[in-house]
Amino acid sequence: MPALLLLYDLGTRRMYDLGVAAPIQSFIDRERFDGSNLEPNILAQYSIEGKLYSMPFSASGVMLYYNASAFRSAG
């Protein structure tokens, strides 16, 4: 396994289940990284049993824009 890789949230769980992932939480604690400005809901996606296993990267929210007038006109 590589020392470091970029992985999506479900892949993080897969690496954990395979027993090949070290929690990034240990590095955060060792370096005293201040993650207080990170979004708690996003962090929860990458945490397993209370430990952060991946740093959220390019997390985004799905949005929908629409023209309300055209939508009403279309019925």
PDB file of N, CA and C in Angstrom:
ATOM      1  N   MET A   1       0.847  -1.188   0.000  1.00  0.00           N
ATOM      2  CA  MET A   1       0.000   0.000   0.000  1.00  0.00           C
ATOM      3  C   MET A   1       0.888   1.246   0.000  1.00  0.00           C
ATOM      4  N   PRO A   2       0.397   2.299  -0.652  1.00  0.00           N
ATOM      5  CA  PRO A   2       1.134   3.569  -0.616  1.00  0.00           C
ATOM      6  C   PRO A   2       1.077   4.179   0.782  1.00  0.00           C
ATOM      7  N   ALA A   3       2.003   5.077   1.042  1.00  0.00           N
ATOM      8  CA  ALA A   3       2.030   5.756   2.338  1.00  0.00           C
ATOM      9  C   ALA A   3       0.890   6.751   2.473  1.00  0.00           C
ATOM     10  N   LEU A   4       0.472   7.327   1.360  1.00  0.00           N
ATOM     11  CA  LEU A   4      -0.573   8.345   1.379  1.00  0.00           C
ATOM     12  C   LEU A   4      -1.337   8.271   0.065  1.00  0.00           C
ATOM     13  N   LEU A   5      -2.663   8.381   0.139  1.00  0.00           N
ATOM     14  CA  LEU A   5      -3.452   8.377  -1.081  1.00  0.00           C
ATOM     15  C   LEU A   5      -4.701   9.207  -0.905  1.00  0.00           C
ATOM     16  N   LEU A   6      -5.235   9.658  -2.034  1.00  0.00           N
ATOM     17  CA  LEU A   6      -6.478  10.425  -2.056  1.00  0.00           C
ATOM     18  C   LEU A   6      -7.602   9.436  -2.326  1.00  0.00           C
ATOM     19  N   LEU A   7      -8.604   9.423  -1.452  1.00  0.00           N
ATOM     20  CA  LEU A   7      -9.653   8.425  -1.527  1.00  0.00           C
ATOM     21  C   LEU A   7     -10.984   9.044  -1.160  1.00  0.00           C
ATOM     22  N   TYR A   8     -12.039   8.581  -1.766  1.00  0.00           N
ATOM     23  CA  TYR A   8     -13.380   9.061  -1.465  1.00  0.00           C
ATOM     24  C   TYR A   8     -13.877   8.423  -0.157  1.00  0.00           C
ATOM     25  N   ASP A   9     -14.998   8.901   0.358  1.00  0.00           N
ATOM     26  CA  ASP A   9     -15.459   8.479   1.686  1.00  0.00           C
ATOM     27  C   ASP A   9     -15.731   6.977   1.786  1.00  0.00           C
ATOM     28  N   LEU A  10     -16.366   6.366   0.791  1.00  0.00           N
ATOM     29  CA  LEU A  10     -16.630   4.929   0.857  1.00  0.00           C
ATOM     30  C   LEU A  10     -15.348   4.116   0.720  1.00  0.00           C
ATOM     31  N   GLY A  11     -14.396   4.625  -0.033  1.00  0.00           N
ATOM     32  CA  GLY A  11     -13.100   3.961  -0.145  1.00  0.00           C
ATOM     33  C   GLY A  11     -12.350   3.974   1.170  1.00  0.00           C
ATOM     34  N   THR A  12     -12.537   5.036   1.941  1.00  0.00           N
ATOM     35  CA  THR A  12     -11.919   5.117   3.260  1.00  0.00           C
ATOM     36  C   THR A  12     -12.411   3.965   4.128  1.00  0.00           C
ATOM     37  N   ARG A  13     -13.705   3.727   4.107  1.00  0.00           N
ATOM     38  CA  ARG A  13     -14.271   2.624   4.887  1.00  0.00           C
ATOM     39  C   ARG A  13     -13.725   1.282   4.405  1.00  0.00           C
ATOM     40  N   ARG A  14     -13.578   1.136   3.094  1.00  0.00           N
ATOM     41  CA  ARG A  14     -13.052  -0.113   2.536  1.00  0.00           C
ATOM     42  C   ARG A  14     -11.621  -0.360   3.019  1.00  0.00           C
ATOM     43  N   MET A  15     -10.786   0.666   3.011  1.00  0.00           N
ATOM     44  CA  MET A  15      -9.412   0.523   3.489  1.00  0.00           C
ATOM     45  C   MET A  15      -9.384   0.169   4.979  1.00  0.00           C
ATOM     46  N   TYR A  16     -10.303   0.764   5.736  1.00  0.00           N
ATOM     47  CA  TYR A  16     -10.421   0.446   7.165  1.00  0.00           C
ATOM     48  C   TYR A  16     -10.806  -1.022   7.348  1.00  0.00           C
ATOM     49  N   ASP A  17     -11.816  -1.468   6.601  1.00  0.00           N
ATOM     50  CA  ASP A  17     -12.271  -2.851   6.714  1.00  0.00           C
ATOM     51  C   ASP A  17     -11.185  -3.851   6.324  1.00  0.00           C
ATOM     52  N   LEU A  18     -10.333  -3.478   5.383  1.00  0.00           N
ATOM     53  CA  LEU A  18      -9.230  -4.349   4.976  1.00  0.00           C
ATOM     54  C   LEU A  18      -8.072  -4.331   5.968  1.00  0.00           C
ATOM     55  N   GLY A  19      -8.130  -3.394   6.916  1.00  0.00           N
ATOM     56  CA  GLY A  19      -7.079  -3.300   7.935  1.00  0.00           C
ATOM     57  C   GLY A  19      -5.790  -2.675   7.426  1.00  0.00           C
ATOM     58  N   VAL A  20      -5.876  -1.868   6.375  1.00  0.00           N
ATOM     59  CA  VAL A  20      -4.677  -1.268   5.801  1.00  0.00           C
ATOM     60  C   VAL A  20      -4.627   0.252   5.981  1.00  0.00           C
ATOM     61  N   ALA A  21      -5.574   0.810   6.706  1.00  0.00           N
ATOM     62  CA  ALA A  21      -5.629   2.268   6.875  1.00  0.00           C
ATOM     63  C   ALA A  21      -5.232   2.652   8.293  1.00  0.00           C
ATOM     64  N   ALA A  22      -4.372   3.644   8.386  1.00  0.00           N
ATOM     65  CA  ALA A  22      -4.041   4.238   9.687  1.00  0.00           C
ATOM     66  C   ALA A  22      -4.869   5.505   9.815  1.00  0.00           C
ATOM     67  N   PRO A  23      -5.422   5.762  10.983  1.00  0.00           N
ATOM     68  CA  PRO A  23      -6.245   6.971  11.124  1.00  0.00           C
ATOM     69  C   PRO A  23      -5.389   8.233  11.015  1.00  0.00           C
ATOM     70  N   ILE A  24      -5.850   9.165  10.211  1.00  0.00           N
ATOM     71  CA  ILE A  24      -5.156  10.445  10.109  1.00  0.00           C
ATOM     72  C   ILE A  24      -5.255  11.200  11.439  1.00  0.00           C
ATOM     73  N   GLN A  25      -6.208  10.782  12.265  1.00  0.00           N
ATOM     74  CA  GLN A  25      -6.375  11.389  13.587  1.00  0.00           C
ATOM     75  C   GLN A  25      -5.077  11.324  14.398  1.00  0.00           C
ATOM     76  N   SER A  26      -4.322  10.237  14.252  1.00  0.00           N
ATOM     77  CA  SER A  26      -3.065  10.114  15.008  1.00  0.00           C
ATOM     78  C   SER A  26      -2.064  11.181  14.563  1.00  0.00           C
ATOM     79  N   PHE A  27      -2.046  11.520  13.278  1.00  0.00           N
ATOM     80  CA  PHE A  27      -1.148  12.565  12.781  1.00  0.00           C
ATOM     81  C   PHE A  27      -1.632  13.948  13.219  1.00  0.00           C
ATOM     82  N   ILE A  28      -2.937  14.130  13.208  1.00  0.00           N
ATOM     83  CA  ILE A  28      -3.520  15.394  13.662  1.00  0.00           C
ATOM     84  C   ILE A  28      -3.167  15.636  15.125  1.00  0.00           C
ATOM     85  N   ASP A  29      -3.330  14.598  15.937  1.00  0.00           N
ATOM     86  CA  ASP A  29      -3.020  14.726  17.361  1.00  0.00           C
ATOM     87  C   ASP A  29      -1.531  14.986  17.588  1.00  0.00           C
ATOM     88  N   ARG A  30      -0.685  14.253  16.872  1.00  0.00           N
ATOM     89  CA  ARG A  30       0.763  14.401  17.042  1.00  0.00           C
ATOM     90  C   ARG A  30       1.236  15.797  16.647  1.00  0.00           C
ATOM     91  N   GLU A  31       0.683  16.333  15.564  1.00  0.00           N
ATOM     92  CA  GLU A  31       1.099  17.649  15.074  1.00  0.00           C
ATOM     93  C   GLU A  31       0.310  18.791  15.715  1.00  0.00           C
ATOM     94  N   ARG A  32      -0.650  18.444  16.544  1.00  0.00           N
ATOM     95  CA  ARG A  32      -1.517  19.435  17.199  1.00  0.00           C
ATOM     96  C   ARG A  32      -2.205  20.332  16.171  1.00  0.00           C
ATOM     97  N   PHE A  33      -2.673  19.718  15.084  1.00  0.00           N
ATOM     98  CA  PHE A  33      -3.376  20.434  14.027  1.00  0.00           C
ATOM     99  C   PHE A  33      -4.718  20.924  14.548  1.00  0.00           C
ATOM    100  N   ASP A  34      -5.021  22.187  14.310  1.00  0.00           N
ATOM    101  CA  ASP A  34      -6.295  22.760  14.743  1.00  0.00           C
ATOM    102  C   ASP A  34      -7.321  22.596  13.627  1.00  0.00           C
ATOM    103  N   GLY A  35      -8.195  21.634  13.784  1.00  0.00           N
ATOM    104  CA  GLY A  35      -9.236  21.387  12.797  1.00  0.00           C
ATOM    105  C   GLY A  35     -10.577  21.966  13.196  1.00  0.00           C
ATOM    106  N   SER A  36     -10.578  22.919  14.116  1.00  0.00           N
ATOM    107  CA  SER A  36     -11.831  23.464  14.629  1.00  0.00           C
ATOM    108  C   SER A  36     -12.643  24.199  13.559  1.00  0.00           C
ATOM    109  N   ASN A  37     -11.994  24.612  12.478  1.00  0.00           N
ATOM    110  CA  ASN A  37     -12.728  25.316  11.426  1.00  0.00           C
ATOM    111  C   ASN A  37     -13.255  24.360  10.346  1.00  0.00           C
ATOM    112  N   LEU A  38     -13.048  23.063  10.517  1.00  0.00           N
ATOM    113  CA  LEU A  38     -13.550  22.084   9.561  1.00  0.00           C
ATOM    114  C   LEU A  38     -14.999  21.726   9.886  1.00  0.00           C
ATOM    115  N   GLU A  39     -15.791  21.517   8.870  1.00  0.00           N
ATOM    116  CA  GLU A  39     -17.222  21.239   9.013  1.00  0.00           C
ATOM    117  C   GLU A  39     -17.452  19.890   9.703  1.00  0.00           C
ATOM    118  N   PRO A  40     -18.109  19.878  10.864  1.00  0.00           N
ATOM    119  CA  PRO A  40     -18.326  18.636  11.614  1.00  0.00           C
ATOM    120  C   PRO A  40     -19.065  17.547  10.830  1.00  0.00           C
ATOM    121  N   ASN A  41     -20.053  17.931  10.030  1.00  0.00           N
ATOM    122  CA  ASN A  41     -20.797  16.922   9.261  1.00  0.00           C
ATOM    123  C   ASN A  41     -19.922  16.249   8.209  1.00  0.00           C
ATOM    124  N   ILE A  42     -19.026  17.010   7.609  1.00  0.00           N
ATOM    125  CA  ILE A  42     -18.096  16.436   6.629  1.00  0.00           C
ATOM    126  C   ILE A  42     -17.102  15.525   7.346  1.00  0.00           C
ATOM    127  N   LEU A  43     -16.587  15.970   8.477  1.00  0.00           N
ATOM    128  CA  LEU A  43     -15.646  15.145   9.235  1.00  0.00           C
ATOM    129  C   LEU A  43     -16.277  13.815   9.632  1.00  0.00           C
ATOM    130  N   ALA A  44     -17.557  13.839   9.946  1.00  0.00           N
ATOM    131  CA  ALA A  44     -18.252  12.611  10.356  1.00  0.00           C
ATOM    132  C   ALA A  44     -18.267  11.577   9.231  1.00  0.00           C
ATOM    133  N   GLN A  45     -18.303  12.024   7.979  1.00  0.00           N
ATOM    134  CA  GLN A  45     -18.293  11.097   6.842  1.00  0.00           C
ATOM    135  C   GLN A  45     -16.986  10.330   6.749  1.00  0.00           C
ATOM    136  N   TYR A  46     -15.913  10.918   7.215  1.00  0.00           N
ATOM    137  CA  TYR A  46     -14.587  10.329   7.092  1.00  0.00           C
ATOM    138  C   TYR A  46     -14.072   9.770   8.415  1.00  0.00           C
ATOM    139  N   SER A  47     -14.942   9.684   9.408  1.00  0.00           N
ATOM    140  CA  SER A  47     -14.569   9.161  10.724  1.00  0.00           C
ATOM    141  C   SER A  47     -15.166   7.781  10.940  1.00  0.00           C
ATOM    142  N   ILE A  48     -14.405   6.941  11.615  1.00  0.00           N
ATOM    143  CA  ILE A  48     -14.852   5.594  11.963  1.00  0.00           C
ATOM    144  C   ILE A  48     -14.539   5.386  13.429  1.00  0.00           C
ATOM    145  N   GLU A  49     -15.551   5.004  14.185  1.00  0.00           N
ATOM    146  CA  GLU A  49     -15.410   4.774  15.626  1.00  0.00           C
ATOM    147  C   GLU A  49     -14.745   5.958  16.329  1.00  0.00           C
ATOM    148  N   GLY A  50     -15.166   7.171  15.933  1.00  0.00           N
ATOM    149  CA  GLY A  50     -14.701   8.385  16.602  1.00  0.00           C
ATOM    150  C   GLY A  50     -13.337   8.884  16.187  1.00  0.00           C
ATOM    151  N   LYS A  51     -12.699   8.220  15.211  1.00  0.00           N
ATOM    152  CA  LYS A  51     -11.385   8.661  14.740  1.00  0.00           C
ATOM    153  C   LYS A  51     -11.488   9.047  13.275  1.00  0.00           C
ATOM    154  N   LEU A  52     -10.837  10.152  12.934  1.00  0.00           N
ATOM    155  CA  LEU A  52     -10.817  10.613  11.552  1.00  0.00           C
ATOM    156  C   LEU A  52      -9.807   9.771  10.775  1.00  0.00           C
ATOM    157  N   TYR A  53     -10.263   9.116   9.712  1.00  0.00           N
ATOM    158  CA  TYR A  53      -9.395   8.266   8.907  1.00  0.00           C
ATOM    159  C   TYR A  53      -8.938   8.930   7.613  1.00  0.00           C
ATOM    160  N   SER A  54      -9.633   9.937   7.160  1.00  0.00           N
ATOM    161  CA  SER A  54      -9.258  10.669   5.943  1.00  0.00           C
ATOM    162  C   SER A  54      -9.527  12.145   6.155  1.00  0.00           C
ATOM    163  N   MET A  55      -8.681  12.970   5.543  1.00  0.00           N
ATOM    164  CA  MET A  55      -8.947  14.405   5.552  1.00  0.00           C
ATOM    165  C   MET A  55      -9.922  14.701   4.426  1.00  0.00           C
ATOM    166  N   PRO A  56     -11.001  15.383   4.723  1.00  0.00           N
ATOM    167  CA  PRO A  56     -11.936  15.747   3.661  1.00  0.00           C
ATOM    168  C   PRO A  56     -11.226  16.597   2.604  1.00  0.00           C
ATOM    169  N   PHE A  57     -11.397  16.217   1.356  1.00  0.00           N
ATOM    170  CA  PHE A  57     -10.789  16.939   0.250  1.00  0.00           C
ATOM    171  C   PHE A  57     -11.820  17.049  -0.855  1.00  0.00           C
ATOM    172  N   SER A  58     -12.023  18.219  -1.317  1.00  0.00           N
ATOM    173  CA  SER A  58     -12.992  18.545  -2.366  1.00  0.00           C
ATOM    174  C   SER A  58     -14.397  18.044  -2.049  1.00  0.00           C
ATOM    175  N   ALA A  59     -14.790  18.135  -0.798  1.00  0.00           N
ATOM    176  CA  ALA A  59     -16.161  17.810  -0.415  1.00  0.00           C
ATOM    177  C   ALA A  59     -17.070  18.916  -0.928  1.00  0.00           C
ATOM    178  N   SER A  60     -18.215  18.546  -1.433  1.00  0.00           N
ATOM    179  CA  SER A  60     -19.113  19.551  -1.982  1.00  0.00           C
ATOM    180  C   SER A  60     -20.556  19.201  -1.659  1.00  0.00           C
ATOM    181  N   GLY A  61     -21.393  20.166  -1.778  1.00  0.00           N
ATOM    182  CA  GLY A  61     -22.819  19.962  -1.578  1.00  0.00           C
ATOM    183  C   GLY A  61     -23.544  20.056  -2.907  1.00  0.00           C
ATOM    184  N   VAL A  62     -24.470  19.172  -3.098  1.00  0.00           N
ATOM    185  CA  VAL A  62     -25.250  19.185  -4.328  1.00  0.00           C
ATOM    186  C   VAL A  62     -26.295  20.286  -4.227  1.00  0.00           C
ATOM    187  N   MET A  63     -26.424  21.079  -5.291  1.00  0.00           N
ATOM    188  CA  MET A  63     -27.390  22.180  -5.295  1.00  0.00           C
ATOM    189  C   MET A  63     -28.218  22.118  -6.569  1.00  0.00           C
ATOM    190  N   LEU A  64     -29.407  22.623  -6.490  1.00  0.00           N
ATOM    191  CA  LEU A  64     -30.282  22.696  -7.653  1.00  0.00           C
ATOM    192  C   LEU A  64     -30.745  24.135  -7.804  1.00  0.00           C
ATOM    193  N   TYR A  65     -30.522  24.703  -8.979  1.00  0.00           N
ATOM    194  CA  TYR A  65     -31.021  26.027  -9.318  1.00  0.00           C
ATOM    195  C   TYR A  65     -32.103  25.856 -10.361  1.00  0.00           C
ATOM    196  N   TYR A  66     -33.163  26.628 -10.245  1.00  0.00           N
ATOM    197  CA  TYR A  66     -34.211  26.562 -11.255  1.00  0.00           C
ATOM    198  C   TYR A  66     -34.885  27.915 -11.365  1.00  0.00           C
ATOM    199  N   ASN A  67     -35.548  28.120 -12.505  1.00  0.00           N
ATOM    200  CA  ASN A  67     -36.281  29.356 -12.760  1.00  0.00           C
ATOM    201  C   ASN A  67     -37.714  29.110 -12.263  1.00  0.00           C
ATOM    202  N   ALA A  68     -38.062  29.699 -11.144  1.00  0.00           N
ATOM    203  CA  ALA A  68     -39.363  29.467 -10.524  1.00  0.00           C
ATOM    204  C   ALA A  68     -40.521  29.868 -11.440  1.00  0.00           C
ATOM    205  N   SER A  69     -40.369  30.961 -12.190  1.00  0.00           N
ATOM    206  CA  SER A  69     -41.438  31.399 -13.090  1.00  0.00           C
ATOM    207  C   SER A  69     -41.658  30.376 -14.208  1.00  0.00           C
ATOM    208  N   ALA A  70     -40.590  29.922 -14.809  1.00  0.00           N
ATOM    209  CA  ALA A  70     -40.688  28.932 -15.890  1.00  0.00           C
ATOM    210  C   ALA A  70     -41.236  27.610 -15.341  1.00  0.00           C
ATOM    211  N   PHE A  71     -40.857  27.270 -14.143  1.00  0.00           N
ATOM    212  CA  PHE A  71     -41.326  26.037 -13.514  1.00  0.00           C
ATOM    213  C   PHE A  71     -42.854  26.091 -13.304  1.00  0.00           C
ATOM    214  N   ARG A  72     -43.327  27.227 -12.791  1.00  0.00           N
ATOM    215  CA  ARG A  72     -44.780  27.404 -12.595  1.00  0.00           C
ATOM    216  C   ARG A  72     -45.517  27.385 -13.935  1.00  0.00           C
ATOM    217  N   SER A  73     -44.969  28.057 -14.933  1.00  0.00           N
ATOM    218  CA  SER A  73     -45.587  28.120 -16.255  1.00  0.00           C
ATOM    219  C   SER A  73     -45.718  26.725 -16.886  1.00  0.00           C
ATOM    220  N   ALA A  74     -44.767  25.875 -16.612  1.00  0.00           N
ATOM    221  CA  ALA A  74     -44.762  24.514 -17.167  1.00  0.00           C
ATOM    222  C   ALA A  74     -45.743  23.618 -16.425  1.00  0.00           C
ATOM    223  N   GLY A  75     -46.230  24.098 -15.303  1.00  0.00           N
ATOM    224  CA  GLY A  75     -47.205  23.315 -14.539  1.00  0.00           C
ATOM    225  C   GLY A  75     -46.560  22.369 -13.592  1.00  0.00           C
TER     226      GLY A  75
END
